[in-house]
């Protein structure tokens, strides 16, 4: 998991970007939120590839 910070709408390092396995997730709030959202996104993608639907 690669975590970086980028500038968004004139701010300085206010966008957290998490990248792994070709999947990119962003958050304007904080690093923990970005990581949590990224893990959720990876889980959803994995379930979709398996062919099961997650509610």
N, C-alpha and C. Protein backbone atom coordinates (compact mmCIF):
# COMPACT_ATOMS: atom_id res chain seq x y z
N UNK A 1 0.85 -1.17 0.00
CA UNK A 1 0.00 0.00 0.00
C UNK A 1 0.90 1.24 0.00
N UNK A 2 0.71 2.09 -0.97
CA UNK A 2 1.49 3.30 -1.12
C UNK A 2 0.61 4.50 -0.79
N UNK A 3 1.02 5.31 0.16
CA UNK A 3 0.25 6.48 0.59
C UNK A 3 1.00 7.75 0.21
N UNK A 4 0.31 8.67 -0.46
CA UNK A 4 0.93 9.94 -0.83
C UNK A 4 -0.07 11.06 -0.59
N UNK A 5 0.44 12.26 -0.58
CA UNK A 5 -0.39 13.45 -0.38
C UNK A 5 -0.25 14.35 -1.61
N UNK A 6 -1.36 14.91 -2.04
CA UNK A 6 -1.35 15.78 -3.21
C UNK A 6 -2.12 17.06 -2.92
N UNK A 7 -1.89 18.04 -3.73
CA UNK A 7 -2.58 19.32 -3.59
C UNK A 7 -3.91 19.25 -4.34
N UNK A 8 -4.96 19.75 -3.71
CA UNK A 8 -6.29 19.72 -4.30
C UNK A 8 -6.95 21.07 -4.10
N UNK A 9 -7.42 21.68 -5.17
CA UNK A 9 -8.11 22.98 -5.15
C UNK A 9 -7.36 24.05 -4.37
N UNK A 10 -6.10 24.20 -4.65
CA UNK A 10 -5.32 25.27 -4.04
C UNK A 10 -4.80 24.99 -2.65
N UNK A 11 -5.17 23.85 -2.08
CA UNK A 11 -4.67 23.50 -0.75
C UNK A 11 -3.28 22.89 -0.86
N UNK A 12 -2.63 22.72 0.26
CA UNK A 12 -1.30 22.13 0.26
C UNK A 12 -1.37 20.77 0.95
N UNK A 13 -1.09 19.72 0.20
CA UNK A 13 -1.10 18.35 0.71
C UNK A 13 -2.38 18.01 1.46
N UNK A 14 -3.53 18.36 0.89
CA UNK A 14 -4.79 18.11 1.56
C UNK A 14 -5.56 16.91 0.99
N UNK A 15 -5.00 16.21 0.01
CA UNK A 15 -5.65 15.04 -0.58
C UNK A 15 -4.77 13.83 -0.31
N UNK A 16 -5.31 12.84 0.39
CA UNK A 16 -4.58 11.61 0.67
C UNK A 16 -4.90 10.61 -0.44
N UNK A 17 -3.87 10.03 -1.04
CA UNK A 17 -4.03 9.06 -2.11
C UNK A 17 -3.42 7.74 -1.67
N UNK A 18 -4.21 6.67 -1.72
CA UNK A 18 -3.74 5.34 -1.36
C UNK A 18 -3.81 4.48 -2.62
N UNK A 19 -2.69 3.82 -2.94
CA UNK A 19 -2.62 2.99 -4.13
C UNK A 19 -2.08 1.61 -3.79
N UNK A 20 -2.70 0.58 -4.34
CA UNK A 20 -2.19 -0.79 -4.25
C UNK A 20 -2.94 -1.66 -5.24
N UNK A 21 -2.26 -2.62 -5.80
CA UNK A 21 -2.86 -3.57 -6.75
C UNK A 21 -3.57 -2.88 -7.90
N UNK A 22 -3.09 -1.72 -8.31
CA UNK A 22 -3.70 -1.00 -9.42
C UNK A 22 -4.98 -0.27 -9.05
N UNK A 23 -5.31 -0.23 -7.77
CA UNK A 23 -6.52 0.44 -7.30
C UNK A 23 -6.12 1.71 -6.56
N UNK A 24 -6.80 2.80 -6.86
CA UNK A 24 -6.49 4.10 -6.26
C UNK A 24 -7.70 4.59 -5.48
N UNK A 25 -7.46 5.04 -4.25
CA UNK A 25 -8.51 5.59 -3.40
C UNK A 25 -8.04 6.93 -2.85
N UNK A 26 -8.95 7.89 -2.74
CA UNK A 26 -8.59 9.21 -2.23
C UNK A 26 -9.48 9.60 -1.07
N UNK A 27 -8.98 10.51 -0.25
CA UNK A 27 -9.76 11.06 0.86
C UNK A 27 -9.28 12.47 1.16
N UNK A 28 -10.20 13.36 1.41
CA UNK A 28 -9.86 14.72 1.81
C UNK A 28 -9.80 14.84 3.33
N UNK A 29 -10.29 13.86 4.06
CA UNK A 29 -10.37 13.95 5.52
C UNK A 29 -9.03 13.66 6.18
N UNK A 30 -8.61 12.39 6.16
CA UNK A 30 -7.35 12.02 6.80
C UNK A 30 -6.86 10.67 6.28
N UNK A 31 -5.66 10.30 6.72
CA UNK A 31 -5.02 9.08 6.25
C UNK A 31 -5.79 7.83 6.66
N UNK A 32 -6.28 7.80 7.90
CA UNK A 32 -7.01 6.63 8.39
C UNK A 32 -8.28 6.38 7.57
N UNK A 33 -8.97 7.44 7.22
CA UNK A 33 -10.18 7.31 6.41
C UNK A 33 -9.83 6.77 5.03
N UNK A 34 -8.75 7.26 4.45
CA UNK A 34 -8.33 6.80 3.13
C UNK A 34 -7.98 5.31 3.15
N UNK A 35 -7.28 4.87 4.19
CA UNK A 35 -6.91 3.46 4.30
C UNK A 35 -8.14 2.59 4.50
N UNK A 36 -9.04 3.02 5.38
CA UNK A 36 -10.27 2.26 5.64
C UNK A 36 -11.11 2.13 4.37
N UNK A 37 -11.25 3.21 3.64
CA UNK A 37 -12.01 3.20 2.40
C UNK A 37 -11.33 2.32 1.35
N UNK A 38 -10.00 2.36 1.32
CA UNK A 38 -9.25 1.56 0.35
C UNK A 38 -9.44 0.07 0.62
N UNK A 39 -9.37 -0.33 1.88
CA UNK A 39 -9.57 -1.74 2.24
C UNK A 39 -10.98 -2.19 1.87
N UNK A 40 -11.97 -1.32 2.10
CA UNK A 40 -13.35 -1.63 1.74
C UNK A 40 -13.49 -1.80 0.23
N UNK A 41 -12.82 -0.92 -0.50
CA UNK A 41 -12.87 -0.97 -1.96
C UNK A 41 -12.23 -2.26 -2.49
N UNK A 42 -11.09 -2.64 -1.91
CA UNK A 42 -10.42 -3.88 -2.33
C UNK A 42 -11.29 -5.10 -2.03
N UNK A 43 -11.95 -5.09 -0.88
CA UNK A 43 -12.82 -6.20 -0.50
C UNK A 43 -13.98 -6.33 -1.49
N UNK A 44 -14.55 -5.18 -1.88
CA UNK A 44 -15.67 -5.16 -2.82
C UNK A 44 -15.23 -5.68 -4.19
N UNK A 45 -14.06 -5.27 -4.64
CA UNK A 45 -13.54 -5.72 -5.94
C UNK A 45 -13.28 -7.22 -5.91
N UNK A 46 -12.70 -7.71 -4.81
CA UNK A 46 -12.40 -9.13 -4.68
C UNK A 46 -13.69 -9.95 -4.71
N UNK A 47 -14.73 -9.49 -4.01
CA UNK A 47 -16.01 -10.19 -3.99
C UNK A 47 -16.64 -10.20 -5.38
N UNK A 48 -16.49 -9.08 -6.09
CA UNK A 48 -17.07 -8.98 -7.43
C UNK A 48 -16.38 -9.95 -8.38
N UNK A 49 -15.06 -10.10 -8.23
CA UNK A 49 -14.30 -11.02 -9.09
C UNK A 49 -14.67 -12.46 -8.79
N UNK A 50 -15.00 -12.76 -7.53
CA UNK A 50 -15.41 -14.11 -7.15
C UNK A 50 -16.75 -14.47 -7.74
N UNK A 51 -17.56 -13.47 -7.98
CA UNK A 51 -18.88 -13.70 -8.55
C UNK A 51 -19.98 -13.69 -7.51
N UNK A 52 -19.62 -13.37 -6.26
CA UNK A 52 -20.65 -13.28 -5.22
C UNK A 52 -21.02 -11.82 -5.04
N UNK A 53 -22.26 -11.61 -4.69
CA UNK A 53 -22.74 -10.26 -4.47
C UNK A 53 -22.77 -9.99 -2.98
N UNK A 54 -22.20 -8.85 -2.57
CA UNK A 54 -22.16 -8.49 -1.17
C UNK A 54 -23.14 -7.36 -0.89
N UNK A 55 -23.92 -7.50 0.15
CA UNK A 55 -24.92 -6.48 0.47
C UNK A 55 -24.34 -5.37 1.30
